[in-house]
Amino acid sequence: MNKKISSTALLFLTAIVWGFAFVAQAVGAQFMGTLSYNGIRFLLGACSLIPVVLIFDRQKYSREKIKMTVLIGFVGGFVLFAASNLQQYGIEITNSAGKAGFLTGLYTVLVPIFSLLLFKKRTNILTWFGVAFALSGLYLLCFTGTQGFGLGDILLIIGAFFWAAHIIVIDRFVSKISPLRFAFVQFLTCGTLSIVGALLFETIEYSAVKAALIPILYGGLMSVGVAYTCQILGQKNADPTFAAIVLSTESVFSVIGAAIILNERMTLAGYIGCSLIFCGIILSQLNFNFKRKRKTVSAVGKVQ
């Protein structure tokens, strides 16, 4: 019982850290360009995983598995580069951490749909109910109110498709790679690509980095190093479906964090939309045909 309680606490801590990461990203966007912010924080995140790898992944792997881990790490890093920068730019435009959290959370609903369309893996009726709830919530969140549906919303939704693709890439190859070393390679790849892009298209200024230092440290150390480690420890003694549901509450914590720290407020329709999207996320997690697969996907994780 104590192990289950501690696992649940660690999983909720992970969701809280990931949810508040949207707040850090929103603050960081006020001082730095998208590529600059993501480049620095993902490189910092890759460095923070080094002790995690040394502690939790001492196993010796074959040369073939190491090569596969590096290769898939590069592929995952490219997809993560697209997903994270679309998300960050969307946050910069919408200036809403709460909305970004829920729109990004749509990837959870998309994963079983993509698996069905691309790999003919059967799903059940709960997924389609989840889609209906998510689409209804999407309409209320984005298509109502004074601001309406804008470029930032489009980027966040496209980003959700890339997050879903990222999960699927991991899912297809996770049995052939070392998950922790894969994570290190993909974060290193994403950070390097972002820094190169920043050097080409943005100006990285010391004053901007200094002003955004806390969001950078949070996004790099807390969201990647601390949360990722808590997720690994938390899932050891947790039911995979329950773990996935707990981790999906990151979208709720993004709204809570935005309200507390950024004083963000939504319209009533927006809050109803968030509730419907969250219901859709939960329903998609209860797809029992994917119960075994959910453990695999969640073990690698999506990092904010």
Foldseek 3Di string as FASTA:
>chain_A
DVLLVLLLVLLLLLLLLQLLLLVLLLQLLVQDALLVLLLLQLLLQLVLLVVVCVVPPPDDDDPQQAVVLLVLLLVLLVLLLLLSSLLSVLCSVVSALLLLLLLLLCLLLVQVVCCCVPVVQDWDPLSVLLVVLLVLLLCLQAQDDDVHHDPSSVSSNVSSVSLSVSLVSCLVCVVSYDLSSSSSSSSNNSSVVSVVVCVVPHDDDPVSCVSSVVSSCSQRCVQRNVSLSSLLSSLPPDQLLVSQLSSSCSSVSNNVSCCVPVVDDDDPSNVSSSVSNNSSSNSSSPGVSCRVSSNSSPNSHDTD
